[in-house]
Structure formats: C-alpha cells, structure tokens
Amino acid sequence: RPIRKGKLFAKELKGEVEIEFDKMGIPFIKATSEKDLYFAQGYLHASDRLWDMHLVRKMLRGEIAELFGEKAFGLDEFMRSFNFRGIAKQNEKHLLPTTKEAFQAYAD
C-alpha cells in the first residue's frame, strides 16, 4: 500500500516537495522546481500503478509472452509490428531539452 503520510527522502530531489491528498485520495504536489515536480509525479504514479506501468511497457514492446506464456505470442508479434520503440527514438530527437529533462525526472 502506498505511503500517504510521513516524510520520504530521495537523492534525486534538489528542493522540498510536499504532497497532500484530499479526502478522495487525489494528490496535490507542491515543488520548488519543475524537475522535482515531475519526479514526485513519477513517484506517485509508480507507487500507485507500478504493475500497470510494467504491463503497458511490456505490451508496447511486444513482450507480454514473458509474463503470460506462449498464448501471448500472437499479441507480441502484432505489437512489435508497430515499432513503438523505434518511433519513440525518432521522436526523441525532436524534443526540447526541457521536455527531455521532464521525462527523465518523471522516470527517475
């Protein structure tokens, strides 16, 4: 279960980040920098949805059979035909440096 109260420390943070949850469990992030904000958002997503993120990554790479066996080979072959990894690498060349930094902070 994700931590909802207390303090956490991460070496990736350069400043203070505060995360508060409303009564519905919706997080609100206050950060001293955009990089820290994106890191906190990535942390929240991973703490709540790590399995979902892992499953979607495996699906987009065409690696679902690693998790579910040979019955998923057809899906893997179909998903690999889209070449999402190659498309992402091509698109990355056109990103602004600030966008790359935001993506990296989120992924860290």
C-alpha atoms as a PDB file:
ATOM      1  CA  ARG A   1       0.000   0.000   0.000  1.00  0.00           C
ATOM      2  CA  PRO A   2       1.439   3.414  -0.940  1.00  0.00           C
ATOM      3  CA  ILE A   3       2.651   5.703   1.835  1.00  0.00           C
ATOM      4  CA  ARG A   4       0.224   8.584   2.361  1.00  0.00           C
ATOM      5  CA  LYS A   5       1.673  10.203   5.492  1.00  0.00           C
ATOM      6  CA  GLY A   6       5.141  10.910   6.749  1.00  0.00           C
ATOM      7  CA  LYS A   7       8.356  12.020   5.118  1.00  0.00           C
ATOM      8  CA  LEU A   8      10.338  10.440   2.350  1.00  0.00           C
ATOM      9  CA  PHE A   9      13.736  11.458   1.107  1.00  0.00           C
ATOM     10  CA  ALA A  10      15.091  10.947  -2.389  1.00  0.00           C
ATOM     11  CA  LYS A  11      18.572  11.871  -3.565  1.00  0.00           C
ATOM     12  CA  GLU A  12      17.071  12.980  -6.901  1.00  0.00           C
ATOM     13  CA  LEU A  13      15.241  15.888  -5.263  1.00  0.00           C
ATOM     14  CA  LYS A  14      17.022  19.232  -5.189  1.00  0.00           C
ATOM     15  CA  GLY A  15      14.409  21.054  -3.123  1.00  0.00           C
ATOM     16  CA  GLU A  16      11.471  20.384  -0.880  1.00  0.00           C
ATOM     17  CA  VAL A  17       8.387  18.669  -2.260  1.00  0.00           C
ATOM     18  CA  GLU A  18       5.081  18.446  -0.454  1.00  0.00           C
ATOM     19  CA  ILE A  19       2.350  16.018  -1.458  1.00  0.00           C
ATOM     20  CA  GLU A  20      -1.063  16.279   0.118  1.00  0.00           C
ATOM     21  CA  PHE A  21      -4.072  14.078  -0.574  1.00  0.00           C
ATOM     22  CA  ASP A  22      -7.648  15.260  -0.474  1.00  0.00           C
ATOM     23  CA  LYS A  23     -10.430  13.182   1.075  1.00  0.00           C
ATOM     24  CA  MET A  24     -10.863  11.330  -2.241  1.00  0.00           C
ATOM     25  CA  GLY A  25      -7.172  10.394  -2.316  1.00  0.00           C
ATOM     26  CA  ILE A  26      -6.279  12.804  -5.110  1.00  0.00           C
ATOM     27  CA  PRO A  27      -2.725  14.088  -4.717  1.00  0.00           C
ATOM     28  CA  PHE A  28      -1.673  17.717  -4.902  1.00  0.00           C
ATOM     29  CA  ILE A  29       2.036  18.344  -5.417  1.00  0.00           C
ATOM     30  CA  LYS A  30       3.915  21.458  -4.361  1.00  0.00           C
ATOM     31  CA  ALA A  31       7.519  21.597  -5.502  1.00  0.00           C
ATOM     32  CA  THR A  32      10.236  24.214  -5.664  1.00  0.00           C
ATOM     33  CA  SER A  33      11.231  23.239  -9.205  1.00  0.00           C
ATOM     34  CA  GLU A  34       9.653  21.641 -12.253  1.00  0.00           C
ATOM     35  CA  LYS A  35      12.201  18.825 -12.164  1.00  0.00           C
ATOM     36  CA  ASP A  36      11.218  17.985  -8.581  1.00  0.00           C
ATOM     37  CA  LEU A  37       7.548  18.205  -9.540  1.00  0.00           C
ATOM     38  CA  TYR A  38       7.969  15.681 -12.368  1.00  0.00           C
ATOM     39  CA  PHE A  39       9.995  13.380 -10.115  1.00  0.00           C
ATOM     40  CA  ALA A  40       7.225  13.481  -7.499  1.00  0.00           C
ATOM     41  CA  GLN A  41       4.575  12.797 -10.143  1.00  0.00           C
ATOM     42  CA  GLY A  42       6.538   9.786 -11.407  1.00  0.00           C
ATOM     43  CA  TYR A  43       6.978   8.556  -7.842  1.00  0.00           C
ATOM     44  CA  LEU A  44       3.237   8.849  -7.193  1.00  0.00           C
ATOM     45  CA  HIS A  45       2.331   7.043 -10.401  1.00  0.00           C
ATOM     46  CA  ALA A  46       4.776   4.244  -9.682  1.00  0.00           C
ATOM     47  CA  SER A  47       3.686   3.877  -6.058  1.00  0.00           C
ATOM     48  CA  ASP A  48       0.037   3.542  -7.117  1.00  0.00           C
ATOM     49  CA  ARG A  49       0.350   1.864 -10.515  1.00  0.00           C
ATOM     50  CA  LEU A  50       3.708   0.133 -10.888  1.00  0.00           C
ATOM     51  CA  TRP A  51       2.152  -3.103 -12.157  1.00  0.00           C
ATOM     52  CA  ASP A  52       0.049  -1.197 -14.713  1.00  0.00           C
ATOM     53  CA  MET A  53       3.106   0.712 -15.922  1.00  0.00           C
ATOM     54  CA  HIS A  54       5.116  -2.511 -16.196  1.00  0.00           C
ATOM     55  CA  LEU A  55       2.325  -4.280 -18.071  1.00  0.00           C
ATOM     56  CA  VAL A  56       1.840  -1.446 -20.574  1.00  0.00           C
ATOM     57  CA  ARG A  57       5.605  -1.231 -21.190  1.00  0.00           C
ATOM     58  CA  LYS A  58       5.742  -4.996 -21.829  1.00  0.00           C
ATOM     59  CA  MET A  59       2.727  -4.792 -24.132  1.00  0.00           C
ATOM     60  CA  LEU A  60       4.114  -1.910 -26.194  1.00  0.00           C
ATOM     61  CA  ARG A  61       7.451  -3.697 -26.551  1.00  0.00           C
ATOM     62  CA  GLY A  62       5.765  -6.923 -27.606  1.00  0.00           C
ATOM     63  CA  GLU A  63       6.989  -8.797 -24.525  1.00  0.00           C
ATOM     64  CA  ILE A  64       3.707  -9.937 -22.941  1.00  0.00           C
ATOM     65  CA  ALA A  65       4.560 -13.606 -23.526  1.00  0.00           C
ATOM     66  CA  GLU A  66       7.341 -13.218 -20.948  1.00  0.00           C
ATOM     67  CA  LEU A  67       4.594 -12.744 -18.365  1.00  0.00           C
ATOM     68  CA  PHE A  68       1.724 -14.858 -19.714  1.00  0.00           C
ATOM     69  CA  GLY A  69       3.382 -17.563 -21.783  1.00  0.00           C
ATOM     70  CA  GLU A  70       3.178 -18.710 -25.362  1.00  0.00           C
ATOM     71  CA  LYS A  71      -0.544 -17.968 -25.690  1.00  0.00           C
ATOM     72  CA  ALA A  72       0.510 -14.296 -25.959  1.00  0.00           C
ATOM     73  CA  PHE A  73       2.941 -14.770 -28.866  1.00  0.00           C
ATOM     74  CA  GLY A  74       0.377 -13.513 -31.381  1.00  0.00           C
ATOM     75  CA  LEU A  75      -0.188 -10.324 -29.413  1.00  0.00           C
ATOM     76  CA  ASP A  76       3.573  -9.795 -29.087  1.00  0.00           C
ATOM     77  CA  GLU A  77       4.070 -10.215 -32.823  1.00  0.00           C
ATOM     78  CA  PHE A  78       1.220  -7.801 -33.539  1.00  0.00           C
ATOM     79  CA  MET A  79       2.522  -5.164 -31.103  1.00  0.00           C
ATOM     80  CA  ARG A  80       6.095  -5.427 -32.442  1.00  0.00           C
ATOM     81  CA  SER A  81       4.782  -4.672 -35.926  1.00  0.00           C
ATOM     82  CA  PHE A  82       4.042  -1.105 -34.768  1.00  0.00           C
ATOM     83  CA  ASN A  83       7.709  -0.491 -33.825  1.00  0.00           C
ATOM     84  CA  PHE A  84       6.797   1.813 -30.932  1.00  0.00           C
ATOM     85  CA  ARG A  85      10.373   1.763 -29.606  1.00  0.00           C
ATOM     86  CA  GLY A  86      11.769   2.914 -32.962  1.00  0.00           C
ATOM     87  CA  ILE A  87       9.128   5.622 -33.281  1.00  0.00           C
ATOM     88  CA  ALA A  88       9.891   6.842 -29.746  1.00  0.00           C
ATOM     89  CA  LYS A  89      13.628   7.013 -30.519  1.00  0.00           C
ATOM     90  CA  GLN A  90      12.936   9.022 -33.688  1.00  0.00           C
ATOM     91  CA  ASN A  91      10.626  11.405 -31.830  1.00  0.00           C
ATOM     92  CA  GLU A  92      13.130  11.857 -29.025  1.00  0.00           C
ATOM     93  CA  LYS A  93      15.475  13.615 -31.452  1.00  0.00           C
ATOM     94  CA  HIS A  94      12.922  16.406 -31.827  1.00  0.00           C
ATOM     95  CA  LEU A  95      12.186  17.031 -28.150  1.00  0.00           C
ATOM     96  CA  LEU A  96      13.225  20.227 -26.465  1.00  0.00           C
ATOM     97  CA  PRO A  97      15.914  19.768 -23.791  1.00  0.00           C
ATOM     98  CA  THR A  98      13.430  20.868 -21.115  1.00  0.00           C
ATOM     99  CA  THR A  99      10.988  18.184 -22.228  1.00  0.00           C
ATOM    100  CA  LYS A 100      13.714  15.521 -22.101  1.00  0.00           C
ATOM    101  CA  GLU A 101      14.612  16.667 -18.590  1.00  0.00           C
ATOM    102  CA  ALA A 102      10.971  16.450 -17.516  1.00  0.00           C
ATOM    103  CA  PHE A 103      10.623  12.923 -18.933  1.00  0.00           C
ATOM    104  CA  GLN A 104      13.856  11.851 -17.234  1.00  0.00           C
ATOM    105  CA  ALA A 105      12.832  13.320 -13.891  1.00  0.00           C
ATOM    106  CA  TYR A 106       9.483  11.504 -14.123  1.00  0.00           C
ATOM    107  CA  ALA A 107      11.238   8.212 -14.955  1.00  0.00           C
ATOM    108  CA  ASP A 108      13.879   8.549 -12.224  1.00  0.00           C
END
